[in-house]
C-alpha atoms as a PDB file:
ATOM      1  CA  MET A   1      57.924 -36.787  13.595  1.00  0.00           C
ATOM      2  CA  ASP A   2      54.844 -36.768  12.275  1.00  0.00           C
ATOM      3  CA  LYS A   3      52.348 -34.719  12.762  1.00  0.00           C
ATOM      4  CA  ASP A   4      49.560 -35.453  15.911  1.00  0.00           C
ATOM      5  CA  ILE A   5      46.392 -36.356  14.329  1.00  0.00           C
ATOM      6  CA  TYR A   6      44.435 -33.487  15.690  1.00  0.00           C
ATOM      7  CA  GLU A   7      46.657 -31.373  13.584  1.00  0.00           C
ATOM      8  CA  LYS A   8      46.260 -32.775  10.601  1.00  0.00           C
ATOM      9  CA  LEU A   9      42.411 -32.994  11.342  1.00  0.00           C
ATOM     10  CA  ARG A  10      41.996 -29.136  12.012  1.00  0.00           C
ATOM     11  CA  GLU A  11      44.048 -28.855   9.248  1.00  0.00           C
ATOM     12  CA  SER A  12      41.701 -30.461   7.160  1.00  0.00           C
ATOM     13  CA  ILE A  13      38.694 -28.993   8.142  1.00  0.00           C
ATOM     14  CA  ASP A  14      40.434 -25.381   8.159  1.00  0.00           C
ATOM     15  CA  LYS A  15      40.435 -26.217   4.238  1.00  0.00           C
ATOM     16  CA  TYR A  16      36.490 -25.745   3.959  1.00  0.00           C
ATOM     17  CA  SER A  17      34.738 -23.038   4.263  1.00  0.00           C
ATOM     18  CA  VAL A  18      35.680 -19.851   6.363  1.00  0.00           C
ATOM     19  CA  GLY A  19      38.322 -22.560   8.101  1.00  0.00           C
ATOM     20  CA  PHE A  20      38.960 -23.252  11.325  1.00  0.00           C
ATOM     21  CA  ASN A  21      41.692 -21.414  12.526  1.00  0.00           C
ATOM     22  CA  ALA A  22      44.570 -22.525  15.236  1.00  0.00           C
ATOM     23  CA  THR A  23      44.418 -20.144  18.501  1.00  0.00           C
ATOM     24  CA  LYS A  24      47.642 -19.068  20.991  1.00  0.00           C
ATOM     25  CA  SER A  25      44.888 -21.004  23.478  1.00  0.00           C
ATOM     26  CA  GLY A  26      44.353 -24.001  21.855  1.00  0.00           C
ATOM     27  CA  ILE A  27      40.560 -24.162  22.541  1.00  0.00           C
ATOM     28  CA  GLU A  28      40.314 -25.685  19.392  1.00  0.00           C
ATOM     29  CA  MET A  29      42.075 -28.629  19.741  1.00  0.00           C
ATOM     30  CA  LYS A  30      40.302 -29.355  22.843  1.00  0.00           C
ATOM     31  CA  ILE A  31      36.849 -29.401  20.722  1.00  0.00           C
ATOM     32  CA  LEU A  32      38.481 -31.377  18.739  1.00  0.00           C
ATOM     33  CA  LYS A  33      39.274 -34.272  20.686  1.00  0.00           C
ATOM     34  CA  LYS A  34      36.217 -33.918  22.789  1.00  0.00           C
ATOM     35  CA  VAL A  35      33.798 -34.626  19.734  1.00  0.00           C
ATOM     36  CA  PHE A  36      36.206 -36.466  17.187  1.00  0.00           C
ATOM     37  CA  THR A  37      38.255 -39.881  18.810  1.00  0.00           C
ATOM     38  CA  PRO A  38      41.749 -40.085  17.073  1.00  0.00           C
ATOM     39  CA  ASP A  39      40.477 -43.239  14.215  1.00  0.00           C
ATOM     40  CA  GLU A  40      37.483 -40.189  13.639  1.00  0.00           C
ATOM     41  CA  ALA A  41      39.862 -37.506  13.006  1.00  0.00           C
ATOM     42  CA  HIS A  42      41.696 -39.753  10.257  1.00  0.00           C
ATOM     43  CA  VAL A  43      38.492 -41.406   8.439  1.00  0.00           C
ATOM     44  CA  TYR A  44      37.553 -37.508   8.104  1.00  0.00           C
ATOM     45  CA  ILE A  45      41.028 -36.729   6.772  1.00  0.00           C
ATOM     46  CA  ASN A  46      40.358 -39.362   4.359  1.00  0.00           C
ATOM     47  CA  LEU A  47      36.914 -37.345   3.686  1.00  0.00           C
ATOM     48  CA  THR A  48      35.933 -34.899   0.892  1.00  0.00           C
ATOM     49  CA  GLN A  49      33.413 -32.342   0.333  1.00  0.00           C
ATOM     50  CA  LYS A  50      31.295 -34.822  -1.870  1.00  0.00           C
ATOM     51  CA  LEU A  51      29.155 -37.242  -0.965  1.00  0.00           C
ATOM     52  CA  GLU A  52      30.882 -40.947  -1.270  1.00  0.00           C
ATOM     53  CA  THR A  53      30.058 -44.697  -0.590  1.00  0.00           C
ATOM     54  CA  ALA A  54      31.821 -45.818   3.342  1.00  0.00           C
ATOM     55  CA  ALA A  55      33.784 -48.023   0.754  1.00  0.00           C
ATOM     56  CA  VAL A  56      35.394 -45.518  -1.248  1.00  0.00           C
ATOM     57  CA  ILE A  57      36.327 -43.612   1.807  1.00  0.00           C
ATOM     58  CA  ALA A  58      37.982 -46.484   3.427  1.00  0.00           C
ATOM     59  CA  GLY A  59      39.718 -47.147   0.048  1.00  0.00           C
ATOM     60  CA  ARG A  60      41.174 -43.596   0.077  1.00  0.00           C
ATOM     61  CA  ALA A  61      41.925 -44.158   3.690  1.00  0.00           C
ATOM     62  CA  GLY A  62      43.409 -47.550   3.836  1.00  0.00           C
ATOM     63  CA  ARG A  63      40.894 -49.116   6.389  1.00  0.00           C
ATOM     64  CA  ASP A  64      38.214 -52.350   6.519  1.00  0.00           C
ATOM     65  CA  ALA A  65      35.530 -50.892   4.634  1.00  0.00           C
ATOM     66  CA  ASN A  66      32.397 -52.500   7.634  1.00  0.00           C
ATOM     67  CA  GLU A  67      35.140 -50.499  10.330  1.00  0.00           C
ATOM     68  CA  THR A  68      35.088 -47.651   8.692  1.00  0.00           C
ATOM     69  CA  ALA A  69      31.197 -47.798   7.547  1.00  0.00           C
ATOM     70  CA  ALA A  70      30.543 -48.210  11.492  1.00  0.00           C
ATOM     71  CA  LEU A  71      32.355 -45.043  11.951  1.00  0.00           C
ATOM     72  CA  LEU A  72      31.123 -43.378   9.632  1.00  0.00           C
ATOM     73  CA  GLU A  73      27.755 -43.946  11.492  1.00  0.00           C
ATOM     74  CA  SER A  74      29.448 -42.563  14.626  1.00  0.00           C
ATOM     75  CA  MET A  75      30.614 -39.193  13.595  1.00  0.00           C
ATOM     76  CA  SER A  76      27.637 -38.897  11.775  1.00  0.00           C
ATOM     77  CA  ASP A  77      25.714 -39.008  14.616  1.00  0.00           C
ATOM     78  CA  LYS A  78      28.215 -36.151  16.189  1.00  0.00           C
ATOM     79  CA  GLY A  79      27.116 -34.242  13.403  1.00  0.00           C
ATOM     80  CA  VAL A  80      30.668 -33.755  11.769  1.00  0.00           C
ATOM     81  CA  THR A  81      29.730 -34.997   8.024  1.00  0.00           C
ATOM     82  CA  PHE A  82      26.589 -34.597   5.375  1.00  0.00           C
ATOM     83  CA  PRO A  83      24.579 -37.638   5.270  1.00  0.00           C
ATOM     84  CA  ILE A  84      22.457 -39.091   2.819  1.00  0.00           C
ATOM     85  CA  LYS A  85      21.035 -42.277   1.610  1.00  0.00           C
ATOM     86  CA  LYS A  86      19.534 -42.917  -1.936  1.00  0.00           C
ATOM     87  CA  ASN A  87      18.273 -45.671  -3.450  1.00  0.00           C
ATOM     88  CA  ASP A  88      19.980 -47.898  -0.635  1.00  0.00           C
ATOM     89  CA  LYS A  89      22.807 -46.216  -0.426  1.00  0.00           C
ATOM     90  CA  LYS A  90      24.079 -44.273   2.588  1.00  0.00           C
ATOM     91  CA  TYR A  91      26.853 -41.386   1.004  1.00  0.00           C
ATOM     92  CA  TYR A  92      28.621 -39.111   3.240  1.00  0.00           C
ATOM     93  CA  ALA A  93      30.985 -35.730   3.164  1.00  0.00           C
ATOM     94  CA  ALA A  94      33.086 -33.684   4.951  1.00  0.00           C
ATOM     95  CA  ALA A  95      31.216 -31.461   6.962  1.00  0.00           C
ATOM     96  CA  PRO A  96      33.171 -28.059   7.500  1.00  0.00           C
ATOM     97  CA  PHE A  97      32.903 -26.102  10.850  1.00  0.00           C
ATOM     98  CA  MET A  98      30.237 -23.506   9.417  1.00  0.00           C
ATOM     99  CA  HIS A  99      27.913 -24.252   7.765  1.00  0.00           C
ATOM    100  CA  GLY A 100      29.028 -27.795   9.002  1.00  0.00           C
ATOM    101  CA  PHE A 101      28.758 -29.625  12.468  1.00  0.00           C
ATOM    102  CA  PHE A 102      28.334 -26.427  14.493  1.00  0.00           C
ATOM    103  CA  GLU A 103      25.088 -26.257  13.055  1.00  0.00           C
ATOM    104  CA  ASN A 104      24.401 -30.266  13.223  1.00  0.00           C
ATOM    105  CA  GLN A 105      25.927 -29.969  17.344  1.00  0.00           C
ATOM    106  CA  ALA A 106      23.918 -27.523  17.954  1.00  0.00           C
ATOM    107  CA  VAL A 107      20.676 -28.269  16.570  1.00  0.00           C
ATOM    108  CA  SER A 108      21.214 -32.047  18.016  1.00  0.00           C
ATOM    109  CA  GLY A 109      22.468 -32.384  21.007  1.00  0.00           C
ATOM    110  CA  MET A 110      25.631 -30.360  21.794  1.00  0.00           C
ATOM    111  CA  ASP A 111      25.690 -30.512  25.494  1.00  0.00           C
ATOM    112  CA  ARG A 112      26.892 -27.362  27.759  1.00  0.00           C
ATOM    113  CA  GLU A 113      30.512 -28.439  27.943  1.00  0.00           C
ATOM    114  CA  LEU A 114      31.171 -28.229  23.957  1.00  0.00           C
ATOM    115  CA  ALA A 115      28.641 -25.369  23.810  1.00  0.00           C
ATOM    116  CA  GLU A 116      31.456 -23.215  26.308  1.00  0.00           C
ATOM    117  CA  MET A 117      34.085 -24.204  24.240  1.00  0.00           C
ATOM    118  CA  TYR A 118      32.425 -22.903  21.302  1.00  0.00           C
ATOM    119  CA  GLU A 119      31.825 -19.978  23.284  1.00  0.00           C
ATOM    120  CA  GLU A 120      35.447 -19.511  23.446  1.00  0.00           C
ATOM    121  CA  TYR A 121      36.546 -20.188  20.297  1.00  0.00           C
ATOM    122  CA  ILE A 122      34.165 -17.797  18.102  1.00  0.00           C
ATOM    123  CA  ARG A 123      34.635 -15.362  20.933  1.00  0.00           C
ATOM    124  CA  ASP A 124      38.554 -14.899  21.239  1.00  0.00           C
ATOM    125  CA  GLY A 125      39.729 -17.135  18.426  1.00  0.00           C
ATOM    126  CA  PHE A 126      38.040 -17.898  15.245  1.00  0.00           C
ATOM    127  CA  PHE A 127      38.309 -15.446  12.553  1.00  0.00           C
ATOM    128  CA  PRO A 128      36.037 -16.391   9.386  1.00  0.00           C
ATOM    129  CA  LYS A 129      38.562 -16.872   5.853  1.00  0.00           C
ATOM    130  CA  ALA A 130      35.396 -16.691   3.657  1.00  0.00           C
ATOM    131  CA  ALA A 131      32.393 -14.675   2.838  1.00  0.00           C
ATOM    132  CA  GLY A 132      29.577 -16.652   4.558  1.00  0.00           C
ATOM    133  CA  LEU A 133      25.655 -15.024   4.738  1.00  0.00           C
ATOM    134  CA  ARG A 134      25.077 -11.878   3.665  1.00  0.00           C
ATOM    135  CA  ALA A 135      21.668  -9.022   5.148  1.00  0.00           C
ATOM    136  CA  VAL A 136      19.278  -8.775   2.615  1.00  0.00           C
ATOM    137  CA  PRO A 137      15.795  -6.103   3.368  1.00  0.00           C
ATOM    138  CA  ILE A 138      12.587  -7.493   3.093  1.00  0.00           C
ATOM    139  CA  ASN A 139       9.301  -5.301   2.917  1.00  0.00           C
ATOM    140  CA  ILE A 140      10.760  -1.996   2.197  1.00  0.00           C
ATOM    141  CA  SER A 141      11.008   0.109  -0.864  1.00  0.00           C
ATOM    142  CA  VAL A 142      14.090   1.205  -1.948  1.00  0.00           C
ATOM    143  CA  ASN A 143      14.338   4.714  -2.730  1.00  0.00           C
ATOM    144  CA  ASN A 144      16.220   5.245  -5.285  1.00  0.00           C
ATOM    145  CA  SER A 145      14.761   3.375  -8.702  1.00  0.00           C
ATOM    146  CA  GLY A 146      12.705   1.535  -6.432  1.00  0.00           C
ATOM    147  CA  LEU A 147      14.122  -1.613  -7.234  1.00  0.00           C
ATOM    148  CA  VAL A 148      15.507  -4.838  -4.873  1.00  0.00           C
ATOM    149  CA  LEU A 149      18.431  -6.817  -6.807  1.00  0.00           C
ATOM    150  CA  PRO A 150      16.842 -10.015  -7.899  1.00  0.00           C
ATOM    151  CA  TYR A 151      19.267 -12.375  -5.883  1.00  0.00           C
ATOM    152  CA  ASP A 152      18.139  -9.440  -2.781  1.00  0.00           C
ATOM    153  CA  ASP A 153      14.497 -10.796  -3.412  1.00  0.00           C
ATOM    154  CA  ILE A 154      13.866 -13.264  -0.604  1.00  0.00           C
ATOM    155  CA  LYS A 155      10.337 -13.609  -1.371  1.00  0.00           C
ATOM    156  CA  ASP A 156      10.891 -14.379  -5.212  1.00  0.00           C
ATOM    157  CA  ILE A 157      13.256 -17.040  -3.551  1.00  0.00           C
ATOM    158  CA  ILE A 158      10.966 -18.938  -1.600  1.00  0.00           C
ATOM    159  CA  ASN A 159       8.686 -18.977  -4.710  1.00  0.00           C
ATOM    160  CA  SER A 160      11.543 -20.324  -7.130  1.00  0.00           C
ATOM    161  CA  LYS A 161      12.061 -23.132  -4.436  1.00  0.00           C
ATOM    162  CA  THR A 162      10.040 -26.368  -3.861  1.00  0.00           C
ATOM    163  CA  ARG A 163      12.303 -28.041  -1.283  1.00  0.00           C
ATOM    164  CA  ILE A 164      12.230 -26.525   2.006  1.00  0.00           C
ATOM    165  CA  GLY A 165      12.683 -26.390   5.346  1.00  0.00           C
ATOM    166  CA  VAL A 166      13.200 -25.068   8.480  1.00  0.00           C
ATOM    167  CA  MET A 167      15.515 -25.419  11.561  1.00  0.00           C
ATOM    168  CA  LYS A 168      16.029 -24.447  14.866  1.00  0.00           C
ATOM    169  CA  CYS A 169      18.758 -21.543  14.745  1.00  0.00           C
ATOM    170  CA  ALA A 170      21.831 -23.255  15.370  1.00  0.00           C
ATOM    171  CA  CYS A 171      23.135 -19.782  16.999  1.00  0.00           C
ATOM    172  CA  ALA A 172      20.026 -19.361  19.302  1.00  0.00           C
ATOM    173  CA  ALA A 173      20.418 -23.677  20.166  1.00  0.00           C
ATOM    174  CA  LYS A 174      23.700 -22.926  21.599  1.00  0.00           C
ATOM    175  CA  LYS A 175      22.748 -19.672  23.882  1.00  0.00           C
ATOM    176  CA  GLN A 176      20.678 -22.085  25.429  1.00  0.00           C
ATOM    177  CA  LYS A 177      22.760 -24.152  26.519  1.00  0.00           C
ATOM    178  CA  LEU A 178      24.465 -21.968  27.775  1.00  0.00           C
ATOM    179  CA  GLU A 179      21.512 -20.501  29.498  1.00  0.00           C
ATOM    180  CA  THR A 180      22.411 -16.576  27.997  1.00  0.00           C
ATOM    181  CA  GLY A 181      19.472 -17.316  25.051  1.00  0.00           C
ATOM    182  CA  CYS A 182      17.086 -14.867  24.394  1.00  0.00           C
ATOM    183  CA  LYS A 183      12.708 -14.979  23.873  1.00  0.00           C
ATOM    184  CA  LYS A 184      13.062 -14.697  20.248  1.00  0.00           C
ATOM    185  CA  PRO A 185      11.956 -16.857  17.956  1.00  0.00           C
ATOM    186  CA  ASP A 186      14.569 -19.466  16.976  1.00  0.00           C
ATOM    187  CA  GLU A 187      13.007 -21.677  14.821  1.00  0.00           C
ATOM    188  CA  VAL A 188      13.751 -19.386  11.855  1.00  0.00           C
ATOM    189  CA  CYS A 189      16.656 -21.316   9.501  1.00  0.00           C
ATOM    190  CA  ILE A 190      14.619 -21.513   6.091  1.00  0.00           C
ATOM    191  CA  ALA A 191      17.211 -24.329   3.953  1.00  0.00           C
ATOM    192  CA  PHE A 192      16.420 -25.421   0.370  1.00  0.00           C
ATOM    193  CA  ASP A 193      17.467 -28.207  -1.667  1.00  0.00           C
ATOM    194  CA  PHE A 194      19.886 -30.459   0.012  1.00  0.00           C
ATOM    195  CA  TYR A 195      20.427 -28.815   3.019  1.00  0.00           C
ATOM    196  CA  ALA A 196      16.738 -29.155   4.146  1.00  0.00           C
ATOM    197  CA  GLU A 197      17.706 -32.725   2.714  1.00  0.00           C
ATOM    198  CA  TYR A 198      20.197 -33.759   5.282  1.00  0.00           C
ATOM    199  CA  GLY A 199      19.398 -32.225   8.164  1.00  0.00           C
ATOM    200  CA  ILE A 200      15.612 -33.395   7.952  1.00  0.00           C
ATOM    201  CA  GLU A 201      16.368 -36.881   6.478  1.00  0.00           C
ATOM    202  CA  GLY A 202      19.528 -37.189   7.786  1.00  0.00           C
ATOM    203  CA  TYR A 203      19.395 -35.301  11.252  1.00  0.00           C
ATOM    204  CA  GLY A 204      15.727 -35.409  12.114  1.00  0.00           C
ATOM    205  CA  ALA A 205      16.483 -31.479  13.037  1.00  0.00           C
ATOM    206  CA  GLY A 206      13.596 -29.947  10.824  1.00  0.00           C
ATOM    207  CA  ARG A 207      10.645 -30.106   9.177  1.00  0.00           C
ATOM    208  CA  TRP A 208       9.642 -29.877   5.512  1.00  0.00           C
ATOM    209  CA  ILE A 209       7.292 -26.602   5.462  1.00  0.00           C
ATOM    210  CA  THR A 210       5.879 -24.773   2.720  1.00  0.00           C
ATOM    211  CA  ARG A 211       6.360 -21.619   0.690  1.00  0.00           C
ATOM    212  CA  GLU A 212       3.663 -19.863   2.172  1.00  0.00           C
ATOM    213  CA  GLU A 213       4.481 -20.839   5.983  1.00  0.00           C
ATOM    214  CA  ALA A 214       8.110 -20.156   4.627  1.00  0.00           C
ATOM    215  CA  LEU A 215       6.490 -16.603   4.150  1.00  0.00           C
ATOM    216  CA  LYS A 216       5.079 -16.337   7.502  1.00  0.00           C
ATOM    217  CA  ILE A 217       7.990 -16.954   8.889  1.00  0.00           C
ATOM    218  CA  LEU A 218       9.462 -14.191   7.103  1.00  0.00           C
ATOM    219  CA  GLU A 219       6.631 -11.678   8.394  1.00  0.00           C
ATOM    220  CA  GLU A 220       6.877 -13.120  12.034  1.00  0.00           C
ATOM    221  CA  THR A 221      10.691 -12.728  12.247  1.00  0.00           C
ATOM    222  CA  GLU A 222      10.459  -9.355  10.583  1.00  0.00           C
ATOM    223  CA  LYS A 223       8.180  -7.865  13.535  1.00  0.00           C
ATOM    224  CA  ALA A 224      10.315  -9.982  16.343  1.00  0.00           C
ATOM    225  CA  GLY A 225      12.869  -7.983  15.082  1.00  0.00           C
ATOM    226  CA  LEU A 226      16.187 -10.291  13.275  1.00  0.00           C
ATOM    227  CA  VAL A 227      18.324  -9.912  10.815  1.00  0.00           C
ATOM    228  CA  HIS A 228      17.581 -11.833   7.378  1.00  0.00           C
ATOM    229  CA  GLN A 229      20.809 -13.444   6.194  1.00  0.00           C
ATOM    230  CA  VAL A 230      20.981 -15.059   2.241  1.00  0.00           C
ATOM    231  CA  GLY A 231      23.248 -17.801   1.985  1.00  0.00           C
ATOM    232  CA  GLY A 232      24.264 -19.449  -1.474  1.00  0.00           C
ATOM    233  CA  SER A 233      26.296 -18.772  -4.817  1.00  0.00           C
ATOM    234  CA  SER A 234      25.161 -17.234  -8.214  1.00  0.00           C
ATOM    235  CA  GLY A 235      24.471 -21.134  -8.795  1.00  0.00           C
ATOM    236  CA  ASN A 236      22.117 -21.728  -6.332  1.00  0.00           C
ATOM    237  CA  ILE A 237      20.491 -20.395  -3.299  1.00  0.00           C
ATOM    238  CA  GLU A 238      20.583 -22.207  -0.115  1.00  0.00           C
ATOM    239  CA  CYS A 239      19.249 -20.483   2.723  1.00  0.00           C
ATOM    240  CA  ILE A 240      17.363 -18.216   4.495  1.00  0.00           C
ATOM    241  CA  CYS A 241      18.667 -17.280   7.644  1.00  0.00           C
ATOM    242  CA  ASN A 242      16.637 -14.998  10.357  1.00  0.00           C
ATOM    243  CA  CYS A 243      19.246 -14.090  12.574  1.00  0.00           C
ATOM    244  CA  CYS A 244      18.878 -13.082  16.141  1.00  0.00           C
ATOM    245  CA  PRO A 245      20.958  -9.759  16.971  1.00  0.00           C
ATOM    246  CA  ASP A 246      21.874 -11.025  20.612  1.00  0.00           C
ATOM    247  CA  CYS A 247      22.195 -14.298  19.700  1.00  0.00           C
ATOM    248  CA  CYS A 248      24.216 -14.888  16.020  1.00  0.00           C
ATOM    249  CA  VAL A 249      28.352 -15.621  15.527  1.00  0.00           C
ATOM    250  CA  GLY A 250      28.102 -13.987  12.611  1.00  0.00           C
ATOM    251  CA  LEU A 251      26.386 -10.707  13.509  1.00  0.00           C
ATOM    252  CA  ALA A 252      28.564 -10.648  16.616  1.00  0.00           C
ATOM    253  CA  ILE A 253      31.429 -10.955  14.235  1.00  0.00           C
ATOM    254  CA  TYR A 254      30.567  -8.281  11.874  1.00  0.00           C
ATOM    255  CA  LYS A 255      29.671  -6.344  15.157  1.00  0.00           C
ATOM    256  CA  LYS A 256      33.451  -5.802  16.030  1.00  0.00           C
ATOM    257  CA  PHE A 257      34.796  -4.414  12.713  1.00  0.00           C
ATOM    258  CA  PRO A 258      35.018  -0.711  12.619  1.00  0.00           C
ATOM    259  CA  GLN A 259      33.248  -1.192   9.952  1.00  0.00           C
ATOM    260  CA  PRO A 260      30.572  -3.397   9.601  1.00  0.00           C
ATOM    261  CA  ALA A 261      29.265  -2.302   6.242  1.00  0.00           C
ATOM    262  CA  LYS A 262      32.565  -3.482   4.395  1.00  0.00           C
ATOM    263  CA  VAL A 263      32.894  -6.884   5.390  1.00  0.00           C
ATOM    264  CA  ALA A 264      29.124  -7.663   6.086  1.00  0.00           C
ATOM    265  CA  GLY A 265      27.915  -7.438   1.370  1.00  0.00           C
ATOM    266  CA  SER A 266      24.513  -5.888   1.628  1.00  0.00           C
ATOM    267  CA  ASN A 267      23.747  -4.331  -1.050  1.00  0.00           C
ATOM    268  CA  TYR A 268      21.516  -1.126   0.370  1.00  0.00           C
ATOM    269  CA  PHE A 269      21.965   1.030   3.261  1.00  0.00           C
ATOM    270  CA  ALA A 270      19.322   3.207   5.243  1.00  0.00           C
ATOM    271  CA  SER A 271      19.267   7.112   5.718  1.00  0.00           C
ATOM    272  CA  VAL A 272      17.152   9.492   7.539  1.00  0.00           C
ATOM    273  CA  LYS A 273      15.128  11.898   5.247  1.00  0.00           C
ATOM    274  CA  SER A 274      15.782  15.611   6.630  1.00  0.00           C
ATOM    275  CA  GLY A 275      13.299  17.091   9.174  1.00  0.00           C
ATOM    276  CA  GLU A 276      11.079  14.158   9.558  1.00  0.00           C
ATOM    277  CA  CYS A 277      12.362  12.234  12.054  1.00  0.00           C
ATOM    278  CA  THR A 278      10.627  12.774  15.414  1.00  0.00           C
ATOM    279  CA  GLY A 279      13.274  11.118  18.091  1.00  0.00           C
ATOM    280  CA  CYS A 280      11.201   8.385  18.996  1.00  0.00           C
ATOM    281  CA  GLU A 281      14.301   6.255  19.177  1.00  0.00           C
ATOM    282  CA  ASN A 282      12.147   3.091  18.011  1.00  0.00           C
ATOM    283  CA  CYS A 283      15.004   2.416  15.472  1.00  0.00           C
ATOM    284  CA  ILE A 284      17.990   2.429  17.718  1.00  0.00           C
ATOM    285  CA  GLY A 285      17.338  -1.146  19.161  1.00  0.00           C
ATOM    286  CA  ARG A 286      16.328  -2.575  16.636  1.00  0.00           C
ATOM    287  CA  CYS A 287      19.919  -1.762  14.968  1.00  0.00           C
ATOM    288  CA  PRO A 288      22.109  -5.067  15.003  1.00  0.00           C
ATOM    289  CA  MET A 289      25.093  -2.721  14.672  1.00  0.00           C
ATOM    290  CA  GLU A 290      24.694   0.200  16.700  1.00  0.00           C
ATOM    291  CA  ALA A 291      24.706   2.349  13.638  1.00  0.00           C
ATOM    292  CA  ILE A 292      22.216   4.378  14.640  1.00  0.00           C
ATOM    293  CA  THR A 293      22.091   7.218  17.644  1.00  0.00           C
ATOM    294  CA  ALA A 294      20.512  10.769  19.016  1.00  0.00           C
ATOM    295  CA  SER A 295      21.051  12.739  21.030  1.00  0.00           C
ATOM    296  CA  ASP A 296      18.051  14.829  22.124  1.00  0.00           C
ATOM    297  CA  GLY A 297      16.936  15.138  18.795  1.00  0.00           C
ATOM    298  CA  PRO A 298      16.626  13.491  15.322  1.00  0.00           C
ATOM    299  CA  ILE A 299      18.411  10.229  15.106  1.00  0.00           C
ATOM    300  CA  SER A 300      21.608   9.574  12.774  1.00  0.00           C
ATOM    301  CA  ILE A 301      22.893   6.630  11.485  1.00  0.00           C
ATOM    302  CA  ASN A 302      26.927   5.701  10.817  1.00  0.00           C
ATOM    303  CA  PRO A 303      27.144   4.262   7.487  1.00  0.00           C
ATOM    304  CA  ASP A 304      30.387   2.420   8.650  1.00  0.00           C
ATOM    305  CA  ARG A 305      28.305   0.541  10.330  1.00  0.00           C
ATOM    306  CA  CYS A 306      25.122   0.178   8.611  1.00  0.00           C
ATOM    307  CA  ILE A 307      24.375  -3.202   6.942  1.00  0.00           C
ATOM    308  CA  GLY A 308      21.688  -2.037   4.309  1.00  0.00           C
ATOM    309  CA  CYS A 309      18.972  -4.456   7.052  1.00  0.00           C
ATOM    310  CA  GLY A 310      15.902  -2.599   6.338  1.00  0.00           C
ATOM    311  CA  LEU A 311      15.040  -3.350  10.350  1.00  0.00           C
ATOM    312  CA  CYS A 312      14.682   0.174  11.084  1.00  0.00           C
ATOM    313  CA  ALA A 313      13.073   1.146   8.737  1.00  0.00           C
ATOM    314  CA  GLY A 314      10.395  -0.661   8.966  1.00  0.00           C
ATOM    315  CA  GLU A 315       9.184   0.047  12.096  1.00  0.00           C
ATOM    316  CA  CYS A 316       9.865   3.846  11.894  1.00  0.00           C
ATOM    317  CA  PRO A 317       6.419   5.009  12.749  1.00  0.00           C
ATOM    318  CA  VAL A 318       7.080   8.725  10.215  1.00  0.00           C
ATOM    319  CA  GLU A 319       8.623   7.009   7.494  1.00  0.00           C
ATOM    320  CA  ALA A 320      11.523   8.711   8.159  1.00  0.00           C
ATOM    321  CA  ILE A 321      14.540   6.168   7.112  1.00  0.00           C
ATOM    322  CA  THR A 322      14.160   4.897   3.349  1.00  0.00           C
ATOM    323  CA  LEU A 323      17.014   2.568   2.196  1.00  0.00           C
ATOM    324  CA  HIS A 324      19.269   3.258  -1.059  1.00  0.00           C
ATOM    325  CA  ARG A 325      20.800   1.013  -3.300  1.00  0.00           C
ATOM    326  CA  LYS A 326      24.310   1.669  -3.123  1.00  0.00           C
ATOM    327  CA  PRO A 327      25.987   3.110  -6.065  1.00  0.00           C
ATOM    328  CA  GLU A 328      27.120   0.266  -9.300  1.00  0.00           C
ATOM    329  CA  ASN A 329      31.123   0.286  -8.169  1.00  0.00           C
ATOM    330  CA  GLU A 330      29.922  -1.341  -4.965  1.00  0.00           C
ATOM    331  CA  ILE A 331      26.923  -3.527  -5.766  1.00  0.00           C
ATOM    332  CA  ARG A 332      28.053  -7.763  -5.172  1.00  0.00           C
ATOM    333  CA  GLY A 333      25.735 -10.370  -6.702  1.00  0.00           C
ATOM    334  CA  PRO A 334      26.369 -13.882  -5.425  1.00  0.00           C
ATOM    335  CA  MET A 335      29.689 -14.797  -6.055  1.00  0.00           C
ATOM    336  CA  PRO A 336      30.235 -17.480  -8.843  1.00  0.00           C
ATOM    337  CA  PRO A 337      30.193 -21.377  -7.359  1.00  0.00           C
ATOM    338  CA  GLU A 338      33.813 -22.004  -7.962  1.00  0.00           C
ATOM    339  CA  ARG A 339      34.967 -19.110  -5.639  1.00  0.00           C
ATOM    340  CA  TYR A 340      32.185 -19.293  -3.003  1.00  0.00           C
ATOM    341  CA  LYS A 341      33.427 -21.237  -0.148  1.00  0.00           C
ATOM    342  CA  PHE A 342      30.928 -20.807   2.839  1.00  0.00           C
ATOM    343  CA  MET A 343      27.914 -23.581   1.215  1.00  0.00           C
ATOM    344  CA  ARG A 344      28.581 -26.401  -1.668  1.00  0.00           C
ATOM    345  CA  SER A 345      26.034 -25.717  -4.059  1.00  0.00           C
ATOM    346  CA  SER A 346      22.928 -28.449  -3.557  1.00  0.00           C
ATOM    347  CA  LEU A 347      23.389 -29.034  -7.716  1.00  0.00           C
ATOM    348  CA  ASP A 348      27.171 -30.329  -6.725  1.00  0.00           C
ATOM    349  CA  PHE A 349      26.137 -32.250  -4.388  1.00  0.00           C
ATOM    350  CA  GLN A 350      22.960 -33.963  -6.455  1.00  0.00           C
ATOM    351  CA  LYS A 351      25.746 -34.514  -9.265  1.00  0.00           C
ATOM    352  CA  ASP A 352      27.787 -36.779  -6.633  1.00  0.00           C
ATOM    353  CA  ILE A 353      25.392 -39.020  -6.737  1.00  0.00           C
ATOM    354  CA  GLU A 354      23.431 -39.394  -9.610  1.00  0.00           C
END
């Protein structure tokens, strides 16, 4: 017997980015049936990661072109495609689960029922199959050699970009739907190039900003205790997410591991200078991985849990905490585009429509 259309849909989504794995509870199927009609599911199965016109997609799906165009517009309204208009033509690509339709729906109309479904899936069943974002420090000098690697220098990344947008944090938006959100800043996700353009022009989910505004957002989120995370390949950096430790899906996943330092991909780690910690414990509440502990004296930092975000060092009143660059054999640069799955390169999206 032929597979159910929704199982085919799940398998299609699972091929992209961090995947969309099956669970024992089947909550992922409830999500799909709430979001997609059977016809929309069939059209999605015939989408690819490339931007294509409705006529091309209809030909692959064996459907009427006008009907397919209408379905694609309906699907775009639901956030499950990457839509963009160029030279009076509309193009669509499959939006993966993350970065994709979870974020699109969270910032443009997710209702409470869907938010609860995503919360259950992410909490109890989702397990990413590929690397996503990586924590990077800012405004912190690195103790050994004083160098921050070029692909970890957020300010340089921003200064290299011309198309910059800011959007509301999808994770925070989901938490707000559940009435469990925090009071930290939430217009904090900085996107570049294609990801800024499709979000702002396609969904109206953000706004264009200048480099100066982007740098100001970094300063404000640093003060608020948000973790700076970068997404992108060696071909192009696509985003800087400033993530709340209480709301962020990615940080919550890292936190589940006994050794978050092994999976978070940061090139730095924090340590305490001997004899200089006064035991004020300001840093403990700022650590997103609960890597810092204290017992009637100086703090200690568990290197297996430290992801090198630098939030602790930035708030130490006596500068007793310093960041160190990891040994060369542990340094990780951005993955080459052919291996990086989380966010397809803006450069490739541009080629699709040239």
